[in-house]
Amino acid sequence: MVEFGKRLRQLRKSNNFTQKQLAALIGVQNTMISFYEVGERIPSPEMIIKLASVFHVTTDYLLGIEKSETINIAGLNEHDKQLVYALVESLRQKNA
């Protein structure tokens, strides 16, 4: 669960959440977020689902099974989806 803790911390920080803010969003004490991040506690499947939902990632990504982060584009129309794909490809080329 070390990978989980690292990913949780990275996602929390990249979304500018404090441990207290994240804890309030999923209904736990902020100390639990700290425990999860350092690997002292293992979250329940329900907590993993809540965390994945907050960060819009898959549970597999949180657990370290899936190596790449995904973006949920559900609800976008086809034109907007194509814009997202084009932006991602442009950024990949820029960073290559």
PDB file of N, CA and C in Angstrom:
ATOM      1  N   MET A   1       0.817  -1.208   0.000  1.00  0.00           N
ATOM      2  CA  MET A   1       0.000   0.000   0.000  1.00  0.00           C
ATOM      3  C   MET A   1       0.854   1.262   0.000  1.00  0.00           C
ATOM      4  N   VAL A   2       2.173   1.106  -0.097  1.00  0.00           N
ATOM      5  CA  VAL A   2       3.050   2.273  -0.171  1.00  0.00           C
ATOM      6  C   VAL A   2       2.728   3.091  -1.410  1.00  0.00           C
ATOM      7  N   GLU A   3       2.526   2.405  -2.533  1.00  0.00           N
ATOM      8  CA  GLU A   3       2.178   3.090  -3.780  1.00  0.00           C
ATOM      9  C   GLU A   3       0.886   3.890  -3.603  1.00  0.00           C
ATOM     10  N   PHE A   4      -0.090   3.316  -2.909  1.00  0.00           N
ATOM     11  CA  PHE A   4      -1.349   4.005  -2.655  1.00  0.00           C
ATOM     12  C   PHE A   4      -1.098   5.302  -1.904  1.00  0.00           C
ATOM     13  N   GLY A   5      -0.332   5.245  -0.844  1.00  0.00           N
ATOM     14  CA  GLY A   5      -0.058   6.435  -0.041  1.00  0.00           C
ATOM     15  C   GLY A   5       0.629   7.534  -0.832  1.00  0.00           C
ATOM     16  N   LYS A   6       1.598   7.137  -1.653  1.00  0.00           N
ATOM     17  CA  LYS A   6       2.298   8.119  -2.486  1.00  0.00           C
ATOM     18  C   LYS A   6       1.352   8.760  -3.489  1.00  0.00           C
ATOM     19  N   ARG A   7       0.539   7.941  -4.118  1.00  0.00           N
ATOM     20  CA  ARG A   7      -0.400   8.479  -5.105  1.00  0.00           C
ATOM     21  C   ARG A   7      -1.448   9.370  -4.444  1.00  0.00           C
ATOM     22  N   LEU A   8      -1.931   8.949  -3.290  1.00  0.00           N
ATOM     23  CA  LEU A   8      -2.916   9.761  -2.578  1.00  0.00           C
ATOM     24  C   LEU A   8      -2.330  11.123  -2.239  1.00  0.00           C
ATOM     25  N   ARG A   9      -1.132  11.146  -1.701  1.00  0.00           N
ATOM     26  CA  ARG A   9      -0.492  12.415  -1.345  1.00  0.00           C
ATOM     27  C   ARG A   9      -0.286  13.289  -2.581  1.00  0.00           C
ATOM     28  N   GLN A  10       0.188  12.686  -3.666  1.00  0.00           N
ATOM     29  CA  GLN A  10       0.424  13.442  -4.896  1.00  0.00           C
ATOM     30  C   GLN A  10      -0.883  14.031  -5.423  1.00  0.00           C
ATOM     31  N   LEU A  11      -1.937  13.236  -5.448  1.00  0.00           N
ATOM     32  CA  LEU A  11      -3.229  13.728  -5.921  1.00  0.00           C
ATOM     33  C   LEU A  11      -3.776  14.828  -5.011  1.00  0.00           C
ATOM     34  N   ARG A  12      -3.639  14.626  -3.721  1.00  0.00           N
ATOM     35  CA  ARG A  12      -4.142  15.626  -2.765  1.00  0.00           C
ATOM     36  C   ARG A  12      -3.425  16.955  -2.974  1.00  0.00           C
ATOM     37  N   LYS A  13      -2.096  16.890  -3.082  1.00  0.00           N
ATOM     38  CA  LYS A  13      -1.327  18.122  -3.238  1.00  0.00           C
ATOM     39  C   LYS A  13      -1.573  18.780  -4.593  1.00  0.00           C
ATOM     40  N   SER A  14      -1.668  17.986  -5.644  1.00  0.00           N
ATOM     41  CA  SER A  14      -1.884  18.574  -6.968  1.00  0.00           C
ATOM     42  C   SER A  14      -3.275  19.190  -7.099  1.00  0.00           C
ATOM     43  N   ASN A  15      -4.196  18.777  -6.233  1.00  0.00           N
ATOM     44  CA  ASN A  15      -5.532  19.377  -6.212  1.00  0.00           C
ATOM     45  C   ASN A  15      -5.673  20.441  -5.124  1.00  0.00           C
ATOM     46  N   ASN A  16      -4.557  20.777  -4.504  1.00  0.00           N
ATOM     47  CA  ASN A  16      -4.501  21.824  -3.473  1.00  0.00           C
ATOM     48  C   ASN A  16      -5.447  21.586  -2.301  1.00  0.00           C
ATOM     49  N   PHE A  17      -5.534  20.315  -1.886  1.00  0.00           N
ATOM     50  CA  PHE A  17      -6.317  19.973  -0.701  1.00  0.00           C
ATOM     51  C   PHE A  17      -5.381  19.792   0.485  1.00  0.00           C
ATOM     52  N   THR A  18      -5.814  20.263   1.641  1.00  0.00           N
ATOM     53  CA  THR A  18      -5.130  19.886   2.866  1.00  0.00           C
ATOM     54  C   THR A  18      -5.674  18.514   3.274  1.00  0.00           C
ATOM     55  N   GLN A  19      -5.002  17.873   4.211  1.00  0.00           N
ATOM     56  CA  GLN A  19      -5.517  16.605   4.710  1.00  0.00           C
ATOM     57  C   GLN A  19      -6.888  16.806   5.342  1.00  0.00           C
ATOM     58  N   LYS A  20      -7.063  17.910   6.026  1.00  0.00           N
ATOM     59  CA  LYS A  20      -8.342  18.199   6.674  1.00  0.00           C
ATOM     60  C   LYS A  20      -9.455  18.381   5.641  1.00  0.00           C
ATOM     61  N   GLN A  21      -9.181  19.090   4.547  1.00  0.00           N
ATOM     62  CA  GLN A  21     -10.190  19.300   3.510  1.00  0.00           C
ATOM     63  C   GLN A  21     -10.585  17.979   2.856  1.00  0.00           C
ATOM     64  N   LEU A  22      -9.583  17.162   2.528  1.00  0.00           N
ATOM     65  CA  LEU A  22      -9.873  15.876   1.912  1.00  0.00           C
ATOM     66  C   LEU A  22     -10.668  14.985   2.856  1.00  0.00           C
ATOM     67  N   ALA A  23     -10.278  14.974   4.117  1.00  0.00           N
ATOM     68  CA  ALA A  23     -10.990  14.167   5.107  1.00  0.00           C
ATOM     69  C   ALA A  23     -12.459  14.566   5.189  1.00  0.00           C
ATOM     70  N   ALA A  24     -12.732  15.863   5.161  1.00  0.00           N
ATOM     71  CA  ALA A  24     -14.121  16.335   5.220  1.00  0.00           C
ATOM     72  C   ALA A  24     -14.910  15.876   3.995  1.00  0.00           C
ATOM     73  N   LEU A  25     -14.259  15.847   2.841  1.00  0.00           N
ATOM     74  CA  LEU A  25     -14.944  15.427   1.609  1.00  0.00           C
ATOM     75  C   LEU A  25     -15.369  13.964   1.631  1.00  0.00           C
ATOM     76  N   ILE A  26     -14.569  13.117   2.286  1.00  0.00           N
ATOM     77  CA  ILE A  26     -14.894  11.691   2.285  1.00  0.00           C
ATOM     78  C   ILE A  26     -15.445  11.191   3.620  1.00  0.00           C
ATOM     79  N   GLY A  27     -15.543  12.089   4.604  1.00  0.00           N
ATOM     80  CA  GLY A  27     -16.200  11.734   5.859  1.00  0.00           C
ATOM     81  C   GLY A  27     -15.355  10.974   6.860  1.00  0.00           C
ATOM     82  N   VAL A  28     -14.057  11.327   6.953  1.00  0.00           N
ATOM     83  CA  VAL A  28     -13.185  10.722   7.956  1.00  0.00           C
ATOM     84  C   VAL A  28     -12.438  11.830   8.698  1.00  0.00           C
ATOM     85  N   GLN A  29     -11.756  11.455   9.764  1.00  0.00           N
ATOM     86  CA  GLN A  29     -10.908  12.411  10.475  1.00  0.00           C
ATOM     87  C   GLN A  29      -9.644  12.671   9.660  1.00  0.00           C
ATOM     88  N   ASN A  30      -9.086  13.871   9.770  1.00  0.00           N
ATOM     89  CA  ASN A  30      -7.894  14.191   8.978  1.00  0.00           C
ATOM     90  C   ASN A  30      -6.705  13.300   9.335  1.00  0.00           C
ATOM     91  N   THR A  31      -6.686  12.739  10.528  1.00  0.00           N
ATOM     92  CA  THR A  31      -5.586  11.838  10.877  1.00  0.00           C
ATOM     93  C   THR A  31      -5.611  10.580  10.017  1.00  0.00           C
ATOM     94  N   MET A  32      -6.815  10.179   9.559  1.00  0.00           N
ATOM     95  CA  MET A  32      -6.902   8.995   8.700  1.00  0.00           C
ATOM     96  C   MET A  32      -6.203   9.246   7.370  1.00  0.00           C
ATOM     97  N   ILE A  33      -6.312  10.437   6.837  1.00  0.00           N
ATOM     98  CA  ILE A  33      -5.636  10.764   5.583  1.00  0.00           C
ATOM     99  C   ILE A  33      -4.134  10.636   5.778  1.00  0.00           C
ATOM    100  N   SER A  34      -3.642  11.137   6.888  1.00  0.00           N
ATOM    101  CA  SER A  34      -2.220  11.010   7.199  1.00  0.00           C
ATOM    102  C   SER A  34      -1.813   9.547   7.303  1.00  0.00           C
ATOM    103  N   PHE A  35      -2.617   8.749   7.991  1.00  0.00           N
ATOM    104  CA  PHE A  35      -2.329   7.317   8.117  1.00  0.00           C
ATOM    105  C   PHE A  35      -2.302   6.634   6.757  1.00  0.00           C
ATOM    106  N   TYR A  36      -3.251   6.980   5.890  1.00  0.00           N
ATOM    107  CA  TYR A  36      -3.284   6.399   4.547  1.00  0.00           C
ATOM    108  C   TYR A  36      -2.018   6.778   3.772  1.00  0.00           C
ATOM    109  N   GLU A  37      -1.634   8.035   3.864  1.00  0.00           N
ATOM    110  CA  GLU A  37      -0.490   8.519   3.087  1.00  0.00           C
ATOM    111  C   GLU A  37       0.831   7.891   3.518  1.00  0.00           C
ATOM    112  N   VAL A  38       0.981   7.609   4.789  1.00  0.00           N
ATOM    113  CA  VAL A  38       2.240   7.012   5.255  1.00  0.00           C
ATOM    114  C   VAL A  38       2.174   5.492   5.348  1.00  0.00           C
ATOM    115  N   GLY A  39       1.029   4.926   5.007  1.00  0.00           N
ATOM    116  CA  GLY A  39       0.894   3.479   4.975  1.00  0.00           C
ATOM    117  C   GLY A  39       0.630   2.821   6.312  1.00  0.00           C
ATOM    118  N   GLU A  40       0.191   3.601   7.305  1.00  0.00           N
ATOM    119  CA  GLU A  40      -0.104   3.022   8.619  1.00  0.00           C
ATOM    120  C   GLU A  40      -1.489   2.396   8.691  1.00  0.00           C
ATOM    121  N   ARG A  41      -2.369   2.789   7.800  1.00  0.00           N
ATOM    122  CA  ARG A  41      -3.720   2.224   7.736  1.00  0.00           C
ATOM    123  C   ARG A  41      -4.059   1.929   6.282  1.00  0.00           C
ATOM    124  N   ILE A  42      -4.883   0.932   6.100  1.00  0.00           N
ATOM    125  CA  ILE A  42      -5.351   0.562   4.769  1.00  0.00           C
ATOM    126  C   ILE A  42      -6.816   0.973   4.669  1.00  0.00           C
ATOM    127  N   PRO A  43      -7.144   1.782   3.678  1.00  0.00           N
ATOM    128  CA  PRO A  43      -8.542   2.218   3.557  1.00  0.00           C
ATOM    129  C   PRO A  43      -9.445   1.066   3.114  1.00  0.00           C
ATOM    130  N   SER A  44     -10.686   1.151   3.510  1.00  0.00           N
ATOM    131  CA  SER A  44     -11.676   0.155   3.087  1.00  0.00           C
ATOM    132  C   SER A  44     -11.940   0.342   1.595  1.00  0.00           C
ATOM    133  N   PRO A  45     -12.503  -0.682   0.964  1.00  0.00           N
ATOM    134  CA  PRO A  45     -12.869  -0.525  -0.450  1.00  0.00           C
ATOM    135  C   PRO A  45     -13.787   0.685  -0.685  1.00  0.00           C
ATOM    136  N   GLU A  46     -14.691   0.935   0.243  1.00  0.00           N
ATOM    137  CA  GLU A  46     -15.594   2.078   0.103  1.00  0.00           C
ATOM    138  C   GLU A  46     -14.826   3.396   0.120  1.00  0.00           C
ATOM    139  N   MET A  47     -13.805   3.494   0.967  1.00  0.00           N
ATOM    140  CA  MET A  47     -12.984   4.712   1.035  1.00  0.00           C
ATOM    141  C   MET A  47     -12.167   4.882  -0.244  1.00  0.00           C
ATOM    142  N   ILE A  48     -11.667   3.793  -0.770  1.00  0.00           N
ATOM    143  CA  ILE A  48     -10.897   3.864  -2.016  1.00  0.00           C
ATOM    144  C   ILE A  48     -11.786   4.380  -3.143  1.00  0.00           C
ATOM    145  N   ILE A  49     -13.014   3.915  -3.188  1.00  0.00           N
ATOM    146  CA  ILE A  49     -13.961   4.379  -4.202  1.00  0.00           C
ATOM    147  C   ILE A  49     -14.256   5.864  -4.017  1.00  0.00           C
ATOM    148  N   LYS A  50     -14.472   6.298  -2.784  1.00  0.00           N
ATOM    149  CA  LYS A  50     -14.730   7.718  -2.519  1.00  0.00           C
ATOM    150  C   LYS A  50     -13.542   8.574  -2.952  1.00  0.00           C
ATOM    151  N   LEU A  51     -12.337   8.132  -2.620  1.00  0.00           N
ATOM    152  CA  LEU A  51     -11.139   8.893  -2.990  1.00  0.00           C
ATOM    153  C   LEU A  51     -10.976   8.965  -4.512  1.00  0.00           C
ATOM    154  N   ALA A  52     -11.202   7.850  -5.179  1.00  0.00           N
ATOM    155  CA  ALA A  52     -11.111   7.844  -6.639  1.00  0.00           C
ATOM    156  C   ALA A  52     -12.118   8.814  -7.238  1.00  0.00           C
ATOM    157  N   SER A  53     -13.299   8.863  -6.669  1.00  0.00           N
ATOM    158  CA  SER A  53     -14.342   9.765  -7.155  1.00  0.00           C
ATOM    159  C   SER A  53     -13.947  11.229  -6.946  1.00  0.00           C
ATOM    160  N   VAL A  54     -13.399  11.547  -5.792  1.00  0.00           N
ATOM    161  CA  VAL A  54     -12.967  12.922  -5.506  1.00  0.00           C
ATOM    162  C   VAL A  54     -11.921  13.389  -6.518  1.00  0.00           C
ATOM    163  N   PHE A  55     -10.976  12.504  -6.842  1.00  0.00           N
ATOM    164  CA  PHE A  55      -9.874  12.889  -7.727  1.00  0.00           C
ATOM    165  C   PHE A  55     -10.114  12.552  -9.194  1.00  0.00           C
ATOM    166  N   HIS A  56     -11.261  11.948  -9.493  1.00  0.00           N
ATOM    167  CA  HIS A  56     -11.606  11.586 -10.881  1.00  0.00           C
ATOM    168  C   HIS A  56     -10.547  10.678 -11.504  1.00  0.00           C
ATOM    169  N   VAL A  57     -10.126   9.682 -10.736  1.00  0.00           N
ATOM    170  CA  VAL A  57      -9.189   8.666 -11.221  1.00  0.00           C
ATOM    171  C   VAL A  57      -9.807   7.298 -10.967  1.00  0.00           C
ATOM    172  N   THR A  58      -9.206   6.272 -11.525  1.00  0.00           N
ATOM    173  CA  THR A  58      -9.709   4.920 -11.277  1.00  0.00           C
ATOM    174  C   THR A  58      -9.171   4.401  -9.952  1.00  0.00           C
ATOM    175  N   THR A  59      -9.886   3.426  -9.404  1.00  0.00           N
ATOM    176  CA  THR A  59      -9.381   2.786  -8.184  1.00  0.00           C
ATOM    177  C   THR A  59      -8.083   2.047  -8.503  1.00  0.00           C
ATOM    178  N   ASP A  60      -7.972   1.493  -9.706  1.00  0.00           N
ATOM    179  CA  ASP A  60      -6.731   0.819 -10.101  1.00  0.00           C
ATOM    180  C   ASP A  60      -5.554   1.782 -10.091  1.00  0.00           C
ATOM    181  N   TYR A  61      -5.771   3.011 -10.514  1.00  0.00           N
ATOM    182  CA  TYR A  61      -4.690   4.005 -10.475  1.00  0.00           C
ATOM    183  C   TYR A  61      -4.289   4.276  -9.028  1.00  0.00           C
ATOM    184  N   LEU A  62      -5.265   4.483  -8.158  1.00  0.00           N
ATOM    185  CA  LEU A  62      -4.963   4.735  -6.745  1.00  0.00           C
ATOM    186  C   LEU A  62      -4.186   3.584  -6.116  1.00  0.00           C
ATOM    187  N   LEU A  63      -4.533   2.362  -6.491  1.00  0.00           N
ATOM    188  CA  LEU A  63      -3.894   1.185  -5.894  1.00  0.00           C
ATOM    189  C   LEU A  63      -2.558   0.830  -6.529  1.00  0.00           C
ATOM    190  N   GLY A  64      -2.174   1.539  -7.583  1.00  0.00           N
ATOM    191  CA  GLY A  64      -0.883   1.290  -8.221  1.00  0.00           C
ATOM    192  C   GLY A  64      -0.932   0.189  -9.270  1.00  0.00           C
ATOM    193  N   ILE A  65      -2.119  -0.296  -9.599  1.00  0.00           N
ATOM    194  CA  ILE A  65      -2.265  -1.339 -10.618  1.00  0.00           C
ATOM    195  C   ILE A  65      -2.121  -0.721 -11.997  1.00  0.00           C
ATOM    196  N   GLU A  66      -2.790   0.381 -12.191  1.00  0.00           N
ATOM    197  CA  GLU A  66      -2.735   1.126 -13.445  1.00  0.00           C
ATOM    198  C   GLU A  66      -1.667   2.205 -13.290  1.00  0.00           C
ATOM    199  N   LYS A  67      -0.749   2.255 -14.228  1.00  0.00           N
ATOM    200  CA  LYS A  67       0.389   3.163 -14.093  1.00  0.00           C
ATOM    201  C   LYS A  67       0.129   4.577 -14.587  1.00  0.00           C
ATOM    202  N   SER A  68      -0.858   4.740 -15.459  1.00  0.00           N
ATOM    203  CA  SER A  68      -1.098   6.080 -15.975  1.00  0.00           C
ATOM    204  C   SER A  68      -2.409   6.634 -15.436  1.00  0.00           C
ATOM    205  N   GLU A  69      -2.403   7.911 -15.214  1.00  0.00           N
ATOM    206  CA  GLU A  69      -3.581   8.605 -14.732  1.00  0.00           C
ATOM    207  C   GLU A  69      -4.544   8.793 -15.901  1.00  0.00           C
ATOM    208  N   THR A  70      -5.828   8.731 -15.632  1.00  0.00           N
ATOM    209  CA  THR A  70      -6.809   8.918 -16.686  1.00  0.00           C
ATOM    210  C   THR A  70      -7.638  10.164 -16.407  1.00  0.00           C
ATOM    211  N   ILE A  71      -8.285  10.638 -17.440  1.00  0.00           N
ATOM    212  CA  ILE A  71      -9.182  11.782 -17.314  1.00  0.00           C
ATOM    213  C   ILE A  71     -10.572  11.316 -17.707  1.00  0.00           C
ATOM    214  N   ASN A  72     -11.536  11.592 -16.864  1.00  0.00           N
ATOM    215  CA  ASN A  72     -12.919  11.214 -17.151  1.00  0.00           C
ATOM    216  C   ASN A  72     -13.536  12.286 -18.041  1.00  0.00           C
ATOM    217  N   ILE A  73     -13.860  11.908 -19.270  1.00  0.00           N
ATOM    218  CA  ILE A  73     -14.460  12.863 -20.203  1.00  0.00           C
ATOM    219  C   ILE A  73     -15.937  12.561 -20.444  1.00  0.00           C
ATOM    220  N   ALA A  74     -16.511  11.738 -19.588  1.00  0.00           N
ATOM    221  CA  ALA A  74     -17.940  11.431 -19.698  1.00  0.00           C
ATOM    222  C   ALA A  74     -18.727  12.728 -19.579  1.00  0.00           C
ATOM    223  N   GLY A  75     -19.753  12.840 -20.379  1.00  0.00           N
ATOM    224  CA  GLY A  75     -20.593  14.027 -20.326  1.00  0.00           C
ATOM    225  C   GLY A  75     -20.193  15.111 -21.314  1.00  0.00           C
ATOM    226  N   LEU A  76     -19.034  14.945 -21.959  1.00  0.00           N
ATOM    227  CA  LEU A  76     -18.625  15.916 -22.971  1.00  0.00           C
ATOM    228  C   LEU A  76     -19.198  15.508 -24.322  1.00  0.00           C
ATOM    229  N   ASN A  77     -19.501  16.499 -25.140  1.00  0.00           N
ATOM    230  CA  ASN A  77     -19.965  16.158 -26.487  1.00  0.00           C
ATOM    231  C   ASN A  77     -18.761  15.785 -27.348  1.00  0.00           C
ATOM    232  N   GLU A  78     -19.003  15.252 -28.524  1.00  0.00           N
ATOM    233  CA  GLU A  78     -17.916  14.757 -29.385  1.00  0.00           C
ATOM    234  C   GLU A  78     -16.920  15.852 -29.747  1.00  0.00           C
ATOM    235  N   HIS A  79     -17.396  17.039 -30.001  1.00  0.00           N
ATOM    236  CA  HIS A  79     -16.503  18.144 -30.337  1.00  0.00           C
ATOM    237  C   HIS A  79     -15.552  18.446 -29.177  1.00  0.00           C
ATOM    238  N   ASP A  80     -16.100  18.527 -27.974  1.00  0.00           N
ATOM    239  CA  ASP A  80     -15.278  18.811 -26.799  1.00  0.00           C
ATOM    240  C   ASP A  80     -14.278  17.688 -26.524  1.00  0.00           C
ATOM    241  N   LYS A  81     -14.706  16.435 -26.750  1.00  0.00           N
ATOM    242  CA  LYS A  81     -13.784  15.304 -26.579  1.00  0.00           C
ATOM    243  C   LYS A  81     -12.607  15.432 -27.539  1.00  0.00           C
ATOM    244  N   GLN A  82     -12.883  15.800 -28.777  1.00  0.00           N
ATOM    245  CA  GLN A  82     -11.811  15.961 -29.759  1.00  0.00           C
ATOM    246  C   GLN A  82     -10.862  17.087 -29.355  1.00  0.00           C
ATOM    247  N   LEU A  83     -11.392  18.144 -28.768  1.00  0.00           N
ATOM    248  CA  LEU A  83     -10.537  19.231 -28.280  1.00  0.00           C
ATOM    249  C   LEU A  83      -9.610  18.743 -27.169  1.00  0.00           C
ATOM    250  N   VAL A  84     -10.148  17.927 -26.265  1.00  0.00           N
ATOM    251  CA  VAL A  84      -9.332  17.376 -25.170  1.00  0.00           C
ATOM    252  C   VAL A  84      -8.225  16.500 -25.736  1.00  0.00           C
ATOM    253  N   TYR A  85      -8.577  15.608 -26.670  1.00  0.00           N
ATOM    254  CA  TYR A  85      -7.574  14.733 -27.282  1.00  0.00           C
ATOM    255  C   TYR A  85      -6.487  15.542 -27.992  1.00  0.00           C
ATOM    256  N   ALA A  86      -6.892  16.587 -28.706  1.00  0.00           N
ATOM    257  CA  ALA A  86      -5.928  17.424 -29.427  1.00  0.00           C
ATOM    258  C   ALA A  86      -5.001  18.149 -28.455  1.00  0.00           C
ATOM    259  N   LEU A  87      -5.546  18.636 -27.363  1.00  0.00           N
ATOM    260  CA  LEU A  87      -4.725  19.315 -26.357  1.00  0.00           C
ATOM    261  C   LEU A  87      -3.718  18.358 -25.743  1.00  0.00           C
ATOM    262  N   VAL A  88      -4.159  17.166 -25.406  1.00  0.00           N
ATOM    263  CA  VAL A  88      -3.254  16.172 -24.818  1.00  0.00           C
ATOM    264  C   VAL A  88      -2.127  15.843 -25.787  1.00  0.00           C
ATOM    265  N   GLU A  89      -2.460  15.623 -27.044  1.00  0.00           N
ATOM    266  CA  GLU A  89      -1.439  15.302 -28.045  1.00  0.00           C
ATOM    267  C   GLU A  89      -0.466  16.454 -28.225  1.00  0.00           C
ATOM    268  N   SER A  90      -0.955  17.656 -28.221  1.00  0.00           N
ATOM    269  CA  SER A  90      -0.095  18.837 -28.343  1.00  0.00           C
ATOM    270  C   SER A  90       0.870  18.935 -27.163  1.00  0.00           C
ATOM    271  N   LEU A  91       0.384  18.675 -25.972  1.00  0.00           N
ATOM    272  CA  LEU A  91       1.245  18.713 -24.785  1.00  0.00           C
ATOM    273  C   LEU A  91       2.291  17.606 -24.815  1.00  0.00           C
ATOM    274  N   ARG A  92       1.917  16.421 -25.294  1.00  0.00           N
ATOM    275  CA  ARG A  92       2.878  15.327 -25.422  1.00  0.00           C
ATOM    276  C   ARG A  92       4.010  15.711 -26.360  1.00  0.00           C
ATOM    277  N   GLN A  93       3.661  16.308 -27.498  1.00  0.00           N
ATOM    278  CA  GLN A  93       4.683  16.708 -28.468  1.00  0.00           C
ATOM    279  C   GLN A  93       5.580  17.801 -27.893  1.00  0.00           C
ATOM    280  N   LYS A  94       4.989  18.724 -27.153  1.00  0.00           N
ATOM    281  CA  LYS A  94       5.766  19.796 -26.533  1.00  0.00           C
ATOM    282  C   LYS A  94       6.777  19.246 -25.526  1.00  0.00           C
ATOM    283  N   ASN A  95       6.369  18.231 -24.788  1.00  0.00           N
ATOM    284  CA  ASN A  95       7.217  17.676 -23.736  1.00  0.00           C
ATOM    285  C   ASN A  95       8.138  16.568 -24.194  1.00  0.00           C
ATOM    286  N   ALA A  96       8.044  16.182 -25.467  1.00  0.00           N
ATOM    287  CA  ALA A  96       8.883  15.080 -25.981  1.00  0.00           C
ATOM    288  C   ALA A  96      10.322  15.527 -26.177  1.00  0.00           C
TER     289      ALA A  96
END
